[in-house]
Amino acid sequence: MRISHAEPKDIPAMVELLGDLFSIEPDFMVDPARQEVGLKGLLEDPLRALVLVARAPGAEQAVGMVTLQVLVSTAEGGQVGLVEDLVIHPEWRGQGLGAALLAELQHQARLRGLTRLQLLADQENTPALEFYGRQGWDRTRMICLRLKEDRDAKAL
């Protein structure tokens, strides 16, 4: 398995992976057009975002992905990272790809000088929560709140 930085040619495969992820996340909606726009935005801003993919041996198509967005934390007094979209194609799950993607993401975050990584996981997604626990991630007392856009207005 090869882990590398995502390229524009990876977008169709990543949109499919996000479809798999968002189909099990009740807080998100599968919308390939929006997911494509979001991925393009991440790839166009390498100073504030990182997108990694896992490729199958002998194949060029991405079978796994993870994203990182750089934020500034007043608590940390510097840059931190928000990890999102860690997903592996169902046929490739259970083979260590998620752990490999997360390890490379953490390595890249250290190289960038980030002082903390954080992520959100569905509280009912027990396999994901157990996976992150095995990777050394701790639960916090924080909860996520959000203000959703008005779909008709396309803005808050």
N, C-alpha and C. Protein backbone atom coordinates (compact mmCIF):
# COMPACT_ATOMS: atom_id res chain seq x y z
N MET A 1 0.84 -1.17 0.00
CA MET A 1 0.00 0.00 0.00
C MET A 1 0.88 1.24 0.00
N ARG A 2 0.48 2.22 -0.74
CA ARG A 2 1.26 3.45 -0.86
C ARG A 2 0.42 4.62 -0.37
N ILE A 3 0.97 5.40 0.54
CA ILE A 3 0.34 6.62 1.05
C ILE A 3 1.00 7.80 0.35
N SER A 4 0.19 8.71 -0.19
CA SER A 4 0.74 9.87 -0.88
C SER A 4 -0.21 11.05 -0.76
N HIS A 5 0.30 12.21 -1.15
CA HIS A 5 -0.54 13.39 -1.21
C HIS A 5 -1.55 13.22 -2.33
N ALA A 6 -2.78 13.60 -2.08
CA ALA A 6 -3.82 13.50 -3.10
C ALA A 6 -3.55 14.49 -4.22
N GLU A 7 -4.02 14.13 -5.39
CA GLU A 7 -3.90 14.97 -6.58
C GLU A 7 -5.29 15.17 -7.16
N PRO A 8 -5.46 16.17 -8.03
CA PRO A 8 -6.78 16.38 -8.63
C PRO A 8 -7.36 15.13 -9.29
N LYS A 9 -6.52 14.28 -9.84
CA LYS A 9 -7.02 13.06 -10.48
C LYS A 9 -7.66 12.10 -9.48
N ASP A 10 -7.40 12.29 -8.18
CA ASP A 10 -7.96 11.43 -7.14
C ASP A 10 -9.37 11.85 -6.72
N ILE A 11 -9.81 13.00 -7.18
CA ILE A 11 -11.09 13.53 -6.69
C ILE A 11 -12.26 12.58 -6.93
N PRO A 12 -12.44 11.99 -8.12
CA PRO A 12 -13.59 11.08 -8.28
C PRO A 12 -13.60 9.92 -7.27
N ALA A 13 -12.46 9.30 -7.04
CA ALA A 13 -12.39 8.20 -6.07
C ALA A 13 -12.66 8.72 -4.66
N MET A 14 -12.16 9.91 -4.33
CA MET A 14 -12.39 10.46 -3.00
C MET A 14 -13.85 10.83 -2.80
N VAL A 15 -14.51 11.33 -3.84
CA VAL A 15 -15.95 11.63 -3.74
C VAL A 15 -16.71 10.34 -3.42
N GLU A 16 -16.34 9.24 -4.05
CA GLU A 16 -16.98 7.96 -3.76
C GLU A 16 -16.73 7.53 -2.31
N LEU A 17 -15.49 7.69 -1.85
CA LEU A 17 -15.18 7.35 -0.47
C LEU A 17 -15.99 8.19 0.50
N LEU A 18 -16.11 9.49 0.22
CA LEU A 18 -16.91 10.35 1.09
C LEU A 18 -18.37 9.95 1.06
N GLY A 19 -18.85 9.47 -0.08
CA GLY A 19 -20.22 8.96 -0.15
C GLY A 19 -20.42 7.80 0.81
N ASP A 20 -19.44 6.90 0.87
CA ASP A 20 -19.51 5.78 1.82
C ASP A 20 -19.55 6.30 3.25
N LEU A 21 -18.68 7.25 3.56
CA LEU A 21 -18.59 7.79 4.92
C LEU A 21 -19.87 8.52 5.30
N PHE A 22 -20.31 9.42 4.45
CA PHE A 22 -21.46 10.26 4.79
C PHE A 22 -22.76 9.46 4.81
N SER A 23 -22.79 8.32 4.15
CA SER A 23 -24.01 7.51 4.16
C SER A 23 -24.25 6.88 5.54
N ILE A 24 -23.20 6.78 6.36
CA ILE A 24 -23.38 6.23 7.72
C ILE A 24 -23.34 7.31 8.78
N GLU A 25 -23.13 8.56 8.40
CA GLU A 25 -23.07 9.66 9.35
C GLU A 25 -24.38 10.44 9.29
N PRO A 26 -25.24 10.34 10.30
CA PRO A 26 -26.53 11.02 10.22
C PRO A 26 -26.44 12.55 10.17
N ASP A 27 -25.33 13.12 10.57
CA ASP A 27 -25.19 14.58 10.55
C ASP A 27 -24.77 15.13 9.20
N PHE A 28 -24.46 14.27 8.24
CA PHE A 28 -23.97 14.74 6.94
C PHE A 28 -24.83 14.17 5.82
N MET A 29 -24.76 14.83 4.69
CA MET A 29 -25.56 14.43 3.54
C MET A 29 -24.63 14.11 2.37
N VAL A 30 -24.91 13.02 1.69
CA VAL A 30 -24.15 12.68 0.49
C VAL A 30 -24.60 13.63 -0.61
N ASP A 31 -23.65 14.40 -1.11
CA ASP A 31 -23.90 15.35 -2.20
C ASP A 31 -22.61 15.44 -3.00
N PRO A 32 -22.45 14.55 -3.99
CA PRO A 32 -21.18 14.48 -4.73
C PRO A 32 -20.69 15.81 -5.27
N ALA A 33 -21.58 16.66 -5.73
CA ALA A 33 -21.14 17.96 -6.26
C ALA A 33 -20.51 18.80 -5.17
N ARG A 34 -21.11 18.82 -3.99
CA ARG A 34 -20.53 19.58 -2.88
C ARG A 34 -19.23 18.97 -2.40
N GLN A 35 -19.19 17.65 -2.33
CA GLN A 35 -17.97 16.99 -1.90
C GLN A 35 -16.83 17.28 -2.87
N GLU A 36 -17.11 17.32 -4.17
CA GLU A 36 -16.09 17.63 -5.17
C GLU A 36 -15.57 19.05 -4.98
N VAL A 37 -16.47 19.99 -4.76
CA VAL A 37 -16.06 21.39 -4.53
C VAL A 37 -15.18 21.48 -3.29
N GLY A 38 -15.59 20.79 -2.22
CA GLY A 38 -14.81 20.82 -0.99
C GLY A 38 -13.42 20.24 -1.16
N LEU A 39 -13.33 19.12 -1.85
CA LEU A 39 -12.03 18.50 -2.09
C LEU A 39 -11.13 19.40 -2.94
N LYS A 40 -11.70 20.00 -3.97
CA LYS A 40 -10.91 20.92 -4.80
C LYS A 40 -10.38 22.07 -3.95
N GLY A 41 -11.21 22.59 -3.05
CA GLY A 41 -10.77 23.68 -2.18
C GLY A 41 -9.61 23.27 -1.29
N LEU A 42 -9.67 22.06 -0.75
CA LEU A 42 -8.58 21.57 0.09
C LEU A 42 -7.29 21.42 -0.72
N LEU A 43 -7.41 20.84 -1.91
CA LEU A 43 -6.21 20.61 -2.73
C LEU A 43 -5.59 21.92 -3.22
N GLU A 44 -6.40 22.96 -3.35
CA GLU A 44 -5.89 24.24 -3.85
C GLU A 44 -5.21 25.07 -2.77
N ASP A 45 -5.26 24.65 -1.50
CA ASP A 45 -4.71 25.45 -0.41
C ASP A 45 -3.78 24.61 0.46
N PRO A 46 -2.61 24.21 -0.08
CA PRO A 46 -1.72 23.30 0.66
C PRO A 46 -1.12 23.90 1.94
N LEU A 47 -1.17 25.21 2.12
CA LEU A 47 -0.68 25.78 3.37
C LEU A 47 -1.67 25.59 4.51
N ARG A 48 -2.95 25.47 4.17
CA ARG A 48 -3.98 25.33 5.20
C ARG A 48 -4.65 23.97 5.20
N ALA A 49 -4.27 23.10 4.28
CA ALA A 49 -4.93 21.80 4.21
C ALA A 49 -3.96 20.74 3.70
N LEU A 50 -4.25 19.52 4.07
CA LEU A 50 -3.48 18.36 3.63
C LEU A 50 -4.48 17.24 3.34
N VAL A 51 -4.33 16.61 2.21
CA VAL A 51 -5.18 15.47 1.85
C VAL A 51 -4.25 14.32 1.46
N LEU A 52 -4.39 13.21 2.17
CA LEU A 52 -3.60 12.03 1.90
C LEU A 52 -4.51 10.92 1.39
N VAL A 53 -3.98 10.10 0.49
CA VAL A 53 -4.71 8.94 -0.02
C VAL A 53 -3.86 7.69 0.13
N ALA A 54 -4.54 6.57 0.22
CA ALA A 54 -3.90 5.25 0.20
C ALA A 54 -4.26 4.61 -1.12
N ARG A 55 -3.25 4.12 -1.82
CA ARG A 55 -3.47 3.47 -3.11
C ARG A 55 -3.18 1.97 -2.97
N ALA A 56 -3.99 1.19 -3.65
CA ALA A 56 -3.81 -0.26 -3.63
C ALA A 56 -2.56 -0.63 -4.42
N PRO A 57 -1.90 -1.72 -4.06
CA PRO A 57 -0.73 -2.16 -4.81
C PRO A 57 -1.06 -2.39 -6.28
N GLY A 58 -0.26 -1.82 -7.15
CA GLY A 58 -0.45 -1.99 -8.58
C GLY A 58 -1.63 -1.23 -9.16
N ALA A 59 -2.30 -0.43 -8.34
CA ALA A 59 -3.44 0.36 -8.82
C ALA A 59 -3.20 1.83 -8.50
N GLU A 60 -3.74 2.66 -9.30
CA GLU A 60 -3.59 4.10 -9.07
C GLU A 60 -4.77 4.70 -8.32
N GLN A 61 -5.89 3.97 -8.24
CA GLN A 61 -7.08 4.53 -7.61
C GLN A 61 -6.93 4.55 -6.09
N ALA A 62 -7.38 5.65 -5.50
CA ALA A 62 -7.36 5.78 -4.05
C ALA A 62 -8.40 4.84 -3.44
N VAL A 63 -7.98 4.09 -2.41
CA VAL A 63 -8.90 3.21 -1.70
C VAL A 63 -9.08 3.67 -0.25
N GLY A 64 -8.42 4.77 0.11
CA GLY A 64 -8.57 5.35 1.43
C GLY A 64 -8.12 6.79 1.40
N MET A 65 -8.60 7.57 2.37
CA MET A 65 -8.22 8.98 2.41
C MET A 65 -8.37 9.53 3.82
N VAL A 66 -7.72 10.68 4.04
CA VAL A 66 -7.88 11.44 5.26
C VAL A 66 -7.53 12.89 4.94
N THR A 67 -8.18 13.83 5.61
CA THR A 67 -7.89 15.24 5.39
C THR A 67 -7.52 15.92 6.70
N LEU A 68 -6.77 17.00 6.58
CA LEU A 68 -6.35 17.82 7.71
C LEU A 68 -6.51 19.28 7.32
N GLN A 69 -7.12 20.06 8.21
CA GLN A 69 -7.22 21.49 7.99
C GLN A 69 -6.52 22.20 9.14
N VAL A 70 -5.71 23.17 8.80
CA VAL A 70 -4.92 23.90 9.79
C VAL A 70 -5.74 25.07 10.31
N LEU A 71 -5.78 25.16 11.64
CA LEU A 71 -6.47 26.25 12.34
C LEU A 71 -5.50 26.91 13.30
N VAL A 72 -5.86 28.06 13.80
CA VAL A 72 -5.07 28.72 14.84
C VAL A 72 -5.85 28.59 16.15
N SER A 73 -5.19 28.08 17.18
CA SER A 73 -5.82 27.90 18.49
C SER A 73 -5.28 28.93 19.47
N THR A 74 -6.18 29.68 20.08
CA THR A 74 -5.74 30.61 21.13
C THR A 74 -5.30 29.83 22.37
N ALA A 75 -5.91 28.67 22.62
CA ALA A 75 -5.52 27.85 23.77
C ALA A 75 -4.10 27.35 23.62
N GLU A 76 -3.73 26.96 22.39
CA GLU A 76 -2.39 26.44 22.13
C GLU A 76 -1.40 27.55 21.78
N GLY A 77 -1.92 28.69 21.39
CA GLY A 77 -1.04 29.78 20.99
C GLY A 77 -0.34 29.51 19.68
N GLY A 78 -0.98 28.76 18.82
CA GLY A 78 -0.37 28.43 17.53
C GLY A 78 -1.28 27.57 16.69
N GLN A 79 -0.69 26.97 15.68
CA GLN A 79 -1.46 26.18 14.74
C GLN A 79 -1.77 24.77 15.26
N VAL A 80 -2.99 24.35 14.99
CA VAL A 80 -3.47 23.01 15.32
C VAL A 80 -4.13 22.45 14.07
N GLY A 81 -4.49 21.17 14.13
CA GLY A 81 -5.11 20.56 12.95
C GLY A 81 -6.43 19.91 13.27
N LEU A 82 -7.37 20.08 12.35
CA LEU A 82 -8.65 19.40 12.41
C LEU A 82 -8.62 18.26 11.41
N VAL A 83 -8.71 17.04 11.92
CA VAL A 83 -8.67 15.85 11.08
C VAL A 83 -10.10 15.49 10.69
N GLU A 84 -10.30 15.25 9.41
CA GLU A 84 -11.62 14.86 8.93
C GLU A 84 -11.48 13.79 7.86
N ASP A 85 -12.60 13.15 7.58
CA ASP A 85 -12.75 12.30 6.40
C ASP A 85 -11.79 11.13 6.34
N LEU A 86 -11.52 10.50 7.46
CA LEU A 86 -10.73 9.27 7.41
C LEU A 86 -11.68 8.15 7.00
N VAL A 87 -11.49 7.62 5.82
CA VAL A 87 -12.38 6.58 5.32
C VAL A 87 -11.59 5.64 4.41
N ILE A 88 -11.91 4.36 4.53
CA ILE A 88 -11.28 3.31 3.73
C ILE A 88 -12.39 2.60 2.95
N HIS A 89 -12.13 2.30 1.70
CA HIS A 89 -13.10 1.55 0.88
C HIS A 89 -13.43 0.25 1.61
N PRO A 90 -14.71 -0.14 1.64
CA PRO A 90 -15.10 -1.35 2.39
C PRO A 90 -14.27 -2.60 2.08
N GLU A 91 -13.85 -2.80 0.86
CA GLU A 91 -13.07 -4.00 0.51
C GLU A 91 -11.66 -3.98 1.10
N TRP A 92 -11.20 -2.83 1.54
CA TRP A 92 -9.83 -2.70 2.04
C TRP A 92 -9.76 -2.47 3.54
N ARG A 93 -10.91 -2.48 4.21
CA ARG A 93 -10.91 -2.24 5.66
C ARG A 93 -10.31 -3.41 6.41
N GLY A 94 -9.77 -3.12 7.59
CA GLY A 94 -9.22 -4.17 8.44
C GLY A 94 -7.81 -4.60 8.06
N GLN A 95 -7.15 -3.83 7.19
CA GLN A 95 -5.81 -4.20 6.75
C GLN A 95 -4.75 -3.19 7.18
N GLY A 96 -5.12 -2.30 8.08
CA GLY A 96 -4.15 -1.34 8.59
C GLY A 96 -4.03 -0.04 7.81
N LEU A 97 -4.88 0.15 6.81
CA LEU A 97 -4.78 1.38 6.01
C LEU A 97 -5.16 2.63 6.80
N GLY A 98 -6.20 2.52 7.60
CA GLY A 98 -6.61 3.68 8.41
C GLY A 98 -5.49 4.09 9.36
N ALA A 99 -4.88 3.12 10.01
CA ALA A 99 -3.78 3.41 10.93
C ALA A 99 -2.59 4.01 10.17
N ALA A 100 -2.31 3.50 8.98
CA ALA A 100 -1.19 4.03 8.19
C ALA A 100 -1.47 5.47 7.74
N LEU A 101 -2.69 5.73 7.29
CA LEU A 101 -3.04 7.10 6.89
C LEU A 101 -2.93 8.05 8.07
N LEU A 102 -3.47 7.63 9.21
CA LEU A 102 -3.44 8.49 10.39
C LEU A 102 -2.01 8.71 10.87
N ALA A 103 -1.17 7.70 10.82
CA ALA A 103 0.23 7.85 11.24
C ALA A 103 0.97 8.84 10.33
N GLU A 104 0.75 8.74 9.03
CA GLU A 104 1.40 9.67 8.10
C GLU A 104 0.86 11.08 8.29
N LEU A 105 -0.43 11.20 8.55
CA LEU A 105 -1.00 12.52 8.81
C LEU A 105 -0.37 13.14 10.05
N GLN A 106 -0.21 12.34 11.11
CA GLN A 106 0.41 12.84 12.33
C GLN A 106 1.86 13.25 12.07
N HIS A 107 2.56 12.47 11.27
CA HIS A 107 3.94 12.81 10.91
C HIS A 107 3.98 14.15 10.17
N GLN A 108 3.11 14.32 9.20
CA GLN A 108 3.06 15.58 8.44
C GLN A 108 2.68 16.75 9.35
N ALA A 109 1.80 16.51 10.30
CA ALA A 109 1.40 17.57 11.24
C ALA A 109 2.59 17.99 12.11
N ARG A 110 3.38 17.01 12.56
CA ARG A 110 4.58 17.35 13.35
C ARG A 110 5.56 18.16 12.52
N LEU A 111 5.74 17.79 11.25
CA LEU A 111 6.65 18.54 10.38
C LEU A 111 6.19 19.98 10.20
N ARG A 112 4.89 20.20 10.24
CA ARG A 112 4.33 21.55 10.10
C ARG A 112 4.34 22.32 11.41
N GLY A 113 4.70 21.65 12.50
CA GLY A 113 4.75 22.32 13.80
C GLY A 113 3.40 22.44 14.49
N LEU A 114 2.43 21.65 14.08
CA LEU A 114 1.12 21.71 14.74
C LEU A 114 1.25 21.17 16.16
N THR A 115 0.54 21.81 17.08
CA THR A 115 0.68 21.44 18.49
C THR A 115 -0.44 20.54 19.00
N ARG A 116 -1.51 20.39 18.23
CA ARG A 116 -2.62 19.52 18.64
C ARG A 116 -3.38 19.09 17.40
N LEU A 117 -3.89 17.88 17.43
CA LEU A 117 -4.82 17.41 16.42
C LEU A 117 -6.14 17.08 17.11
N GLN A 118 -7.21 17.32 16.42
CA GLN A 118 -8.52 16.99 16.96
C GLN A 118 -9.40 16.49 15.82
N LEU A 119 -10.40 15.73 16.19
CA LEU A 119 -11.34 15.22 15.19
C LEU A 119 -12.69 15.02 15.85
N LEU A 120 -13.68 14.87 15.00
CA LEU A 120 -15.03 14.55 15.44
C LEU A 120 -15.36 13.15 14.96
N ALA A 121 -16.05 12.39 15.79
CA ALA A 121 -16.52 11.07 15.40
C ALA A 121 -17.94 10.91 15.92
N ASP A 122 -18.76 10.23 15.16
CA ASP A 122 -20.14 9.99 15.57
C ASP A 122 -20.13 9.18 16.86
N GLN A 123 -20.86 9.65 17.85
CA GLN A 123 -20.85 8.98 19.16
C GLN A 123 -21.42 7.57 19.12
N GLU A 124 -22.15 7.22 18.07
CA GLU A 124 -22.70 5.88 17.94
C GLU A 124 -21.87 5.00 17.03
N ASN A 125 -20.78 5.53 16.47
CA ASN A 125 -19.91 4.75 15.59
C ASN A 125 -18.84 4.06 16.45
N THR A 126 -19.26 3.03 17.13
CA THR A 126 -18.37 2.33 18.06
C THR A 126 -17.09 1.84 17.40
N PRO A 127 -17.15 1.24 16.20
CA PRO A 127 -15.89 0.80 15.59
C PRO A 127 -14.90 1.95 15.38
N ALA A 128 -15.38 3.11 14.97
CA ALA A 128 -14.48 4.26 14.77
C ALA A 128 -13.91 4.74 16.10
N LEU A 129 -14.75 4.82 17.12
CA LEU A 129 -14.27 5.27 18.43
C LEU A 129 -13.23 4.32 19.00
N GLU A 130 -13.46 3.02 18.82
CA GLU A 130 -12.48 2.04 19.29
C GLU A 130 -11.18 2.15 18.49
N PHE A 131 -11.30 2.35 17.17
CA PHE A 131 -10.12 2.52 16.33
C PHE A 131 -9.28 3.71 16.81
N TYR A 132 -9.91 4.85 17.00
CA TYR A 132 -9.16 6.04 17.44
C TYR A 132 -8.54 5.82 18.82
N GLY A 133 -9.24 5.12 19.70
CA GLY A 133 -8.67 4.80 21.00
C GLY A 133 -7.41 3.96 20.88
N ARG A 134 -7.45 2.97 19.97
CA ARG A 134 -6.25 2.13 19.75
C ARG A 134 -5.10 2.93 19.17
N GLN A 135 -5.40 4.03 18.48
CA GLN A 135 -4.36 4.86 17.88
C GLN A 135 -3.84 5.92 18.87
N GLY A 136 -4.33 5.90 20.11
CA GLY A 136 -3.84 6.81 21.13
C GLY A 136 -4.64 8.10 21.29
N TRP A 137 -5.78 8.20 20.62
CA TRP A 137 -6.61 9.40 20.74
C TRP A 137 -7.47 9.31 21.99
N ASP A 138 -7.59 10.42 22.70
CA ASP A 138 -8.38 10.49 23.92
C ASP A 138 -9.68 11.24 23.67
N ARG A 139 -10.73 10.80 24.35
CA ARG A 139 -11.98 11.55 24.32
C ARG A 139 -11.83 12.79 25.18
N THR A 140 -12.53 13.83 24.81
CA THR A 140 -12.53 15.05 25.62
C THR A 140 -13.92 15.26 26.19
N ARG A 141 -14.04 16.28 27.01
CA ARG A 141 -15.35 16.62 27.57
C ARG A 141 -16.11 17.59 26.68
N MET A 142 -15.48 18.00 25.59
CA MET A 142 -16.12 18.94 24.67
C MET A 142 -17.19 18.21 23.85
N ILE A 143 -18.21 18.95 23.46
CA ILE A 143 -19.20 18.43 22.52
C ILE A 143 -19.24 19.36 21.31
N CYS A 144 -19.65 18.83 20.21
CA CYS A 144 -19.72 19.62 18.99
C CYS A 144 -21.10 20.25 18.85
N LEU A 145 -21.13 21.51 18.55
CA LEU A 145 -22.36 22.22 18.22
C LEU A 145 -22.16 22.81 16.84
N ARG A 146 -23.25 22.98 16.10
CA ARG A 146 -23.09 23.59 14.79
C ARG A 146 -24.32 24.39 14.42
N LEU A 147 -24.10 25.30 13.52
CA LEU A 147 -25.16 26.11 12.93
C LEU A 147 -25.15 25.78 11.45
N LYS A 148 -26.23 25.17 10.99
CA LYS A 148 -26.28 24.73 9.59
C LYS A 148 -26.74 25.85 8.69
N GLU A 149 -26.26 25.78 7.47
CA GLU A 149 -26.67 26.73 6.46
C GLU A 149 -28.12 26.50 6.06
N ASP A 150 -28.71 27.52 5.53
CA ASP A 150 -30.03 27.40 4.92
C ASP A 150 -29.78 26.89 3.50
N ARG A 151 -30.20 25.67 3.20
CA ARG A 151 -29.93 25.03 1.90
C ARG A 151 -30.42 25.88 0.74
N ASP A 152 -31.53 26.60 0.94
CA ASP A 152 -32.06 27.42 -0.15
C ASP A 152 -31.24 28.67 -0.37
N ALA A 153 -30.76 29.26 0.73
CA ALA A 153 -29.97 30.49 0.62
C ALA A 153 -28.51 30.22 0.36
N LYS A 154 -28.06 28.98 0.59
CA LYS A 154 -26.66 28.60 0.40
C LYS A 154 -25.72 29.38 1.33
N ALA A 155 -26.25 29.82 2.47
CA ALA A 155 -25.45 30.56 3.45
C ALA A 155 -26.11 30.45 4.80
N LEU A 156 -25.43 30.86 5.83
CA LEU A 156 -25.99 30.84 7.19
C LEU A 156 -27.12 31.82 7.32
